[in-house]
Protein backbone atom coordinates (compact mmCIF):
# COMPACT_ATOMS: atom_id res chain seq x y z
CA UNK A 1 27.83 -14.81 -0.31
CA UNK A 2 25.23 -12.39 0.77
CA UNK A 3 25.57 -8.66 -1.65
CA UNK A 4 26.37 -6.86 1.26
CA UNK A 5 29.51 -8.30 2.18
CA UNK A 6 30.80 -7.88 -1.42
CA UNK A 7 32.45 -4.33 -1.64
CA UNK A 8 31.09 -1.90 -3.35
CA UNK A 9 33.65 -0.54 -6.05
CA UNK A 10 33.33 -4.61 -7.47
CA UNK A 11 29.26 -4.62 -7.35
CA UNK A 12 29.65 -3.15 -11.43
CA UNK A 13 25.82 -1.86 -12.31
CA UNK A 14 26.17 -2.24 -15.67
CA UNK A 15 28.53 -2.54 -18.47
CA UNK A 16 32.04 -0.65 -18.52
CA UNK A 17 32.53 1.57 -20.97
CA UNK A 18 32.97 5.45 -20.62
CA UNK A 19 30.41 7.08 -18.03
CA UNK A 20 26.59 7.81 -19.73
CA UNK A 21 25.42 11.28 -18.33
CA UNK A 22 21.86 10.65 -16.80
CA UNK A 23 20.23 12.96 -19.28
CA UNK A 24 21.60 10.43 -21.80
CA UNK A 25 20.07 6.78 -22.51
CA UNK A 26 22.32 4.28 -23.04
CA UNK A 27 20.84 3.64 -26.50
CA UNK A 28 21.06 7.41 -27.32
CA UNK A 29 24.59 7.66 -26.54
CA UNK A 30 25.42 4.72 -28.95
CA UNK A 31 23.91 6.36 -32.23
CA UNK A 32 24.41 9.11 -34.43
CA UNK A 33 20.79 9.27 -34.95
CA UNK A 34 17.88 10.18 -31.97
CA UNK A 35 14.34 9.63 -32.59
CA UNK A 36 11.81 12.64 -32.04
CA UNK A 37 11.53 10.61 -28.27
CA UNK A 38 15.76 10.62 -28.00
CA UNK A 39 15.81 13.92 -29.15
CA UNK A 40 13.74 15.67 -27.50
CA UNK A 41 15.61 13.44 -23.79
CA UNK A 42 18.67 15.19 -25.34
CA UNK A 43 17.65 18.72 -25.54
CA UNK A 44 15.82 18.17 -22.08
CA UNK A 45 12.59 19.51 -24.27
CA UNK A 46 9.78 17.49 -24.58
CA UNK A 47 8.56 15.62 -27.61
CA UNK A 48 5.34 17.49 -28.13
CA UNK A 49 7.74 20.66 -28.45
CA UNK A 50 10.19 18.99 -31.37
CA UNK A 51 6.62 18.17 -33.22
CA UNK A 52 5.13 21.43 -32.81
CA UNK A 53 8.33 23.72 -34.01
CA UNK A 54 8.79 20.81 -36.93
CA UNK A 55 5.78 21.61 -38.27
CA UNK A 56 6.76 25.43 -37.75
CA UNK A 57 9.64 24.75 -39.73
CA UNK A 58 12.02 25.99 -36.10
CA UNK A 59 14.26 24.23 -34.34
CA UNK A 60 16.77 21.83 -35.38
CA UNK A 61 17.16 20.45 -38.37
CA UNK A 62 15.59 16.87 -39.02
CA UNK A 63 14.32 13.82 -42.02
CA UNK A 64 12.42 11.06 -42.75
CA UNK A 65 14.17 7.95 -42.58
CA UNK A 66 12.92 4.67 -43.80
CA UNK A 67 9.80 3.39 -45.78
CA UNK A 68 7.71 4.62 -42.85
CA UNK A 69 9.03 8.20 -42.63
CA UNK A 70 9.64 8.28 -38.98
CA UNK A 71 11.60 11.54 -38.03
CA UNK A 72 15.02 10.87 -36.77
CA UNK A 73 17.52 14.01 -35.96
CA UNK A 74 21.99 13.45 -36.02
CA UNK A 75 23.13 14.25 -32.66
CA UNK A 76 25.85 16.69 -34.57
CA UNK A 77 23.25 18.44 -35.77
CA UNK A 78 21.50 19.15 -33.19
CA UNK A 79 25.33 19.92 -31.35
CA UNK A 80 25.51 22.63 -34.30
CA UNK A 81 21.64 23.98 -33.48
CA UNK A 82 22.53 23.99 -30.17
CA UNK A 83 25.77 25.93 -30.50
CA UNK A 84 24.18 27.92 -32.67
CA UNK A 85 21.33 29.36 -30.12
CA UNK A 86 24.50 30.19 -28.16
CA UNK A 87 26.03 32.11 -30.41
CA UNK A 88 22.67 34.19 -31.07
CA UNK A 89 21.35 35.16 -27.55
CA UNK A 90 23.09 37.84 -27.01
CA UNK A 91 23.71 36.81 -22.79
CA UNK A 92 26.54 33.87 -24.14
CA UNK A 93 27.51 36.44 -27.15
CA UNK A 94 28.75 39.82 -25.63
CA UNK A 95 29.32 40.92 -29.33
CA UNK A 96 25.93 40.79 -29.66
CA UNK A 97 25.09 42.15 -26.05
CA UNK A 98 23.47 45.82 -26.01
CA UNK A 99 26.06 46.63 -23.18
CA UNK A 100 28.87 46.40 -24.65
CA UNK A 101 27.83 48.70 -27.81
CA UNK A 102 29.00 52.26 -28.13
CA UNK A 103 26.41 54.42 -26.20
CA UNK A 104 24.44 55.84 -29.55
CA UNK A 105 24.50 59.87 -29.81
CA UNK A 106 21.45 61.59 -30.50
CA UNK A 107 20.95 64.87 -33.03
CA UNK A 108 20.52 68.13 -32.18
CA UNK A 109 17.62 68.26 -34.30
CA UNK A 110 14.55 67.71 -33.80
CA UNK A 111 11.00 66.13 -36.30
CA UNK A 112 8.11 69.44 -35.84
CA UNK A 113 4.59 68.21 -35.93
């Protein structure tokens, strides 16, 4: 039977299971720990950006694992870091938005020169 004769619904491209978003590699979806490459892909960044952030002690928390000291990220820590970034951004957090702040009034006195 030729492949084109098989109904599309019967063709499975991979193992059954929950759908994986296109931005996640199957390996990254199965583990709680991510390499720099997988963490960068998960965050939509380049691995170089994560290395620079780590050097500057910025960005998501990471640690060294194993005898070779491979840099790793916990998926839960990445998710928490993303939430922190959202809360720190005034566009996502209306409490920080300057547009929602009460107007400030100047006092009537002027400072002389």
